[in-house]
Amino acid sequence: MSSSAEGPWAAAAERACGDLYGSRGTPERATPPDGQMAADARWAADLQGQAASRLGGIGGADSYGALLIQDMKYASALNQDLGRLYGENASASDRLEMDKAQLSQTQQQVAQISDILGTPSCAAVAEETAPAR
């Protein structure tokens, strides 16, 4: 994973994501199943939103860092929308499927960027979608 993209910003980003991931906790318990999926998605959205804020607060991000922040914000927004859709019991909607596909693609992009930057904890935060039940 040695890359010219690794540097002080990436090291600070890895610390920020690692601290956040290590203290992430668990989603609230909810019922019925759609209610739990909504809670899980909102929990993941909050985690990813916090990561985007922390990363944005570091300052001095290169183009890869800026993409990482942008993708983390997008993952958060997608999970927020998924939480809303699950809460509306829209578990069979086209919008839900589109959001899930876009989230998966965004998570893959974050993993690639994290590999370049040397920030595996940021990839773990983006990958977090709460425990499947």
C-alpha atoms as a PDB file:
ATOM      1  CA  MET A   1       0.000   0.000   0.000  1.00  0.00           C
ATOM      2  CA  SER A   2       2.886   2.367  -0.378  1.00  0.00           C
ATOM      3  CA  SER A   3       1.755   5.263  -2.487  1.00  0.00           C
ATOM      4  CA  SER A   4       2.644   8.867  -3.028  1.00  0.00           C
ATOM      5  CA  ALA A   5      -0.875   9.691  -1.803  1.00  0.00           C
ATOM      6  CA  GLU A   6       0.009   8.575   1.724  1.00  0.00           C
ATOM      7  CA  GLY A   7       1.167  11.435   3.886  1.00  0.00           C
ATOM      8  CA  PRO A   8       0.265  13.572   6.887  1.00  0.00           C
ATOM      9  CA  TRP A   9      -3.374  14.038   5.853  1.00  0.00           C
ATOM     10  CA  ALA A  10      -3.834  10.317   5.245  1.00  0.00           C
ATOM     11  CA  ALA A  11      -2.246   9.473   8.601  1.00  0.00           C
ATOM     12  CA  ALA A  12      -4.569  11.918  10.372  1.00  0.00           C
ATOM     13  CA  ALA A  13      -7.541  10.514   8.408  1.00  0.00           C
ATOM     14  CA  GLU A  14      -6.667   6.965   9.437  1.00  0.00           C
ATOM     15  CA  ARG A  15      -6.475   8.034  13.105  1.00  0.00           C
ATOM     16  CA  ALA A  16      -9.820   9.854  12.848  1.00  0.00           C
ATOM     17  CA  CYS A  17     -11.596   6.936  11.176  1.00  0.00           C
ATOM     18  CA  GLY A  18      -9.931   4.402  13.475  1.00  0.00           C
ATOM     19  CA  ASP A  19     -11.045   6.290  16.590  1.00  0.00           C
ATOM     20  CA  LEU A  20     -14.576   6.610  15.238  1.00  0.00           C
ATOM     21  CA  TYR A  21     -14.763   2.975  14.128  1.00  0.00           C
ATOM     22  CA  GLY A  22     -13.435   1.776  17.463  1.00  0.00           C
ATOM     23  CA  SER A  23     -16.123   3.641  19.384  1.00  0.00           C
ATOM     24  CA  ARG A  24     -18.994   3.104  16.935  1.00  0.00           C
ATOM     25  CA  GLY A  25     -21.290   1.174  19.282  1.00  0.00           C
ATOM     26  CA  THR A  26     -24.360  -0.545  17.902  1.00  0.00           C
ATOM     27  CA  PRO A  27     -27.687   0.557  16.435  1.00  0.00           C
ATOM     28  CA  GLU A  28     -30.737   0.931  18.614  1.00  0.00           C
ATOM     29  CA  ARG A  29     -33.031  -2.088  18.812  1.00  0.00           C
ATOM     30  CA  ALA A  30     -36.309  -1.688  16.975  1.00  0.00           C
ATOM     31  CA  THR A  31     -39.216  -3.750  15.708  1.00  0.00           C
ATOM     32  CA  PRO A  32     -40.641  -4.882  13.303  1.00  0.00           C
ATOM     33  CA  PRO A  33     -37.900  -5.980  10.847  1.00  0.00           C
ATOM     34  CA  ASP A  34     -38.396  -2.884   8.665  1.00  0.00           C
ATOM     35  CA  GLY A  35     -38.081  -0.774  11.799  1.00  0.00           C
ATOM     36  CA  GLN A  36     -34.762  -2.441  12.626  1.00  0.00           C
ATOM     37  CA  MET A  37     -33.489  -1.944   9.081  1.00  0.00           C
ATOM     38  CA  ALA A  38     -34.457   1.719   9.321  1.00  0.00           C
ATOM     39  CA  ALA A  39     -32.626   2.079  12.645  1.00  0.00           C
ATOM     40  CA  ASP A  40     -29.578   0.289  11.234  1.00  0.00           C
ATOM     41  CA  ALA A  41     -29.457   2.525   8.166  1.00  0.00           C
ATOM     42  CA  ARG A  42     -29.828   5.701  10.252  1.00  0.00           C
ATOM     43  CA  TRP A  43     -27.056   4.472  12.559  1.00  0.00           C
ATOM     44  CA  ALA A  44     -24.732   3.839   9.595  1.00  0.00           C
ATOM     45  CA  ALA A  45     -25.640   7.254   8.124  1.00  0.00           C
ATOM     46  CA  ASP A  46     -24.719   8.948  11.390  1.00  0.00           C
ATOM     47  CA  LEU A  47     -21.406   7.080  11.616  1.00  0.00           C
ATOM     48  CA  GLN A  48     -20.469   7.967   8.037  1.00  0.00           C
ATOM     49  CA  GLY A  49     -21.607  11.569   8.491  1.00  0.00           C
ATOM     50  CA  GLN A  50     -19.393  11.890  11.564  1.00  0.00           C
ATOM     51  CA  ALA A  51     -16.479  10.465   9.574  1.00  0.00           C
ATOM     52  CA  ALA A  52     -17.037  12.957   6.744  1.00  0.00           C
ATOM     53  CA  SER A  53     -17.101  15.821   9.254  1.00  0.00           C
ATOM     54  CA  ARG A  54     -13.933  14.657  10.990  1.00  0.00           C
ATOM     55  CA  LEU A  55     -12.125  14.134   7.690  1.00  0.00           C
ATOM     56  CA  GLY A  56     -13.246  17.528   6.416  1.00  0.00           C
ATOM     57  CA  GLY A  57     -11.962  19.115   9.608  1.00  0.00           C
ATOM     58  CA  ILE A  58      -8.435  17.834   9.075  1.00  0.00           C
ATOM     59  CA  GLY A  59      -7.695  20.272   6.258  1.00  0.00           C
ATOM     60  CA  GLY A  60      -5.087  19.950   3.529  1.00  0.00           C
ATOM     61  CA  ALA A  61      -6.628  16.949   1.774  1.00  0.00           C
ATOM     62  CA  ASP A  62      -5.256  16.102  -1.655  1.00  0.00           C
ATOM     63  CA  SER A  63      -7.561  15.020  -4.481  1.00  0.00           C
ATOM     64  CA  TYR A  64      -7.875  11.490  -3.075  1.00  0.00           C
ATOM     65  CA  GLY A  65      -8.717  12.861   0.350  1.00  0.00           C
ATOM     66  CA  ALA A  66     -11.348  15.152  -1.156  1.00  0.00           C
ATOM     67  CA  LEU A  67     -12.882  12.162  -2.961  1.00  0.00           C
ATOM     68  CA  LEU A  68     -12.868  10.166   0.266  1.00  0.00           C
ATOM     69  CA  ILE A  69     -14.739  12.947   2.073  1.00  0.00           C
ATOM     70  CA  GLN A  70     -17.216  13.318  -0.796  1.00  0.00           C
ATOM     71  CA  ASP A  71     -17.882   9.570  -0.961  1.00  0.00           C
ATOM     72  CA  MET A  72     -18.295   9.326   2.819  1.00  0.00           C
ATOM     73  CA  LYS A  73     -20.894  12.114   2.678  1.00  0.00           C
ATOM     74  CA  TYR A  74     -22.661  10.319  -0.160  1.00  0.00           C
ATOM     75  CA  ALA A  75     -22.685   6.995   1.733  1.00  0.00           C
ATOM     76  CA  SER A  76     -24.210   8.821   4.688  1.00  0.00           C
ATOM     77  CA  ALA A  77     -26.887  10.423   2.496  1.00  0.00           C
ATOM     78  CA  LEU A  78     -27.730   7.081   0.885  1.00  0.00           C
ATOM     79  CA  ASN A  79     -28.052   5.375   4.260  1.00  0.00           C
ATOM     80  CA  GLN A  80     -30.214   8.248   5.489  1.00  0.00           C
ATOM     81  CA  ASP A  81     -32.519   7.739   2.515  1.00  0.00           C
ATOM     82  CA  LEU A  82     -32.523   3.974   3.068  1.00  0.00           C
ATOM     83  CA  GLY A  83     -33.536   4.560   6.678  1.00  0.00           C
ATOM     84  CA  ARG A  84     -36.423   6.715   5.502  1.00  0.00           C
ATOM     85  CA  LEU A  85     -37.524   4.138   2.924  1.00  0.00           C
ATOM     86  CA  TYR A  86     -37.346   1.267   5.400  1.00  0.00           C
ATOM     87  CA  GLY A  87     -39.293   3.375   7.869  1.00  0.00           C
ATOM     88  CA  GLU A  88     -41.997   3.838   5.251  1.00  0.00           C
ATOM     89  CA  ASN A  89     -42.073   0.055   4.726  1.00  0.00           C
ATOM     90  CA  ALA A  90     -40.910   0.580   1.146  1.00  0.00           C
ATOM     91  CA  SER A  91     -38.717  -2.509   1.215  1.00  0.00           C
ATOM     92  CA  ALA A  92     -39.695  -3.547  -2.317  1.00  0.00           C
ATOM     93  CA  SER A  93     -39.401  -0.160  -4.009  1.00  0.00           C
ATOM     94  CA  ASP A  94     -37.255   0.661  -7.030  1.00  0.00           C
ATOM     95  CA  ARG A  95     -35.783   3.616  -5.101  1.00  0.00           C
ATOM     96  CA  LEU A  96     -34.650   1.295  -2.313  1.00  0.00           C
ATOM     97  CA  GLU A  97     -32.924  -1.007  -4.778  1.00  0.00           C
ATOM     98  CA  MET A  98     -31.290   1.949  -6.538  1.00  0.00           C
ATOM     99  CA  ASP A  99     -30.011   3.350  -3.225  1.00  0.00           C
ATOM    100  CA  LYS A 100     -28.657  -0.043  -2.172  1.00  0.00           C
ATOM    101  CA  ALA A 101     -26.825  -0.408  -5.500  1.00  0.00           C
ATOM    102  CA  GLN A 102     -25.401   3.112  -5.283  1.00  0.00           C
ATOM    103  CA  LEU A 103     -24.313   2.507  -1.686  1.00  0.00           C
ATOM    104  CA  SER A 104     -22.495  -0.663  -2.692  1.00  0.00           C
ATOM    105  CA  GLN A 105     -20.730   1.182  -5.521  1.00  0.00           C
ATOM    106  CA  THR A 106     -19.793   4.055  -3.196  1.00  0.00           C
ATOM    107  CA  GLN A 107     -18.429   1.622  -0.615  1.00  0.00           C
ATOM    108  CA  GLN A 108     -16.278   0.029  -3.314  1.00  0.00           C
ATOM    109  CA  GLN A 109     -14.962   3.458  -4.348  1.00  0.00           C
ATOM    110  CA  VAL A 110     -14.106   4.289  -0.735  1.00  0.00           C
ATOM    111  CA  ALA A 111     -12.275   0.971  -0.419  1.00  0.00           C
ATOM    112  CA  GLN A 112     -10.210   1.766  -3.524  1.00  0.00           C
ATOM    113  CA  ILE A 113      -9.388   5.286  -2.347  1.00  0.00           C
ATOM    114  CA  SER A 114      -8.594   4.000   1.141  1.00  0.00           C
ATOM    115  CA  ASP A 115      -6.221   1.474  -0.375  1.00  0.00           C
ATOM    116  CA  ILE A 116      -4.400   4.271  -2.203  1.00  0.00           C
ATOM    117  CA  LEU A 117      -4.272   6.499   0.877  1.00  0.00           C
ATOM    118  CA  GLY A 118      -3.528   3.767   3.399  1.00  0.00           C
ATOM    119  CA  THR A 119      -6.710   4.439   5.407  1.00  0.00           C
ATOM    120  CA  PRO A 120      -8.320   1.025   5.966  1.00  0.00           C
ATOM    121  CA  SER A 121     -10.342   2.302   8.932  1.00  0.00           C
ATOM    122  CA  CYS A 122     -12.105   4.768   6.634  1.00  0.00           C
ATOM    123  CA  ALA A 123     -13.066   1.896   4.343  1.00  0.00           C
ATOM    124  CA  ALA A 124     -14.398   0.015   7.382  1.00  0.00           C
ATOM    125  CA  VAL A 125     -16.535   3.015   8.383  1.00  0.00           C
ATOM    126  CA  ALA A 126     -17.970   3.304   4.865  1.00  0.00           C
ATOM    127  CA  GLU A 127     -18.622  -0.423   4.739  1.00  0.00           C
ATOM    128  CA  GLU A 128     -20.579  -0.321   8.004  1.00  0.00           C
ATOM    129  CA  THR A 129     -24.244  -0.952   7.420  1.00  0.00           C
ATOM    130  CA  ALA A 130     -25.052  -2.346  10.864  1.00  0.00           C
ATOM    131  CA  PRO A 131     -25.384  -5.999  11.776  1.00  0.00           C
ATOM    132  CA  ALA A 132     -27.763  -8.003   9.621  1.00  0.00           C
ATOM    133  CA  ARG A 133     -30.590  -9.512  11.626  1.00  0.00           C
END
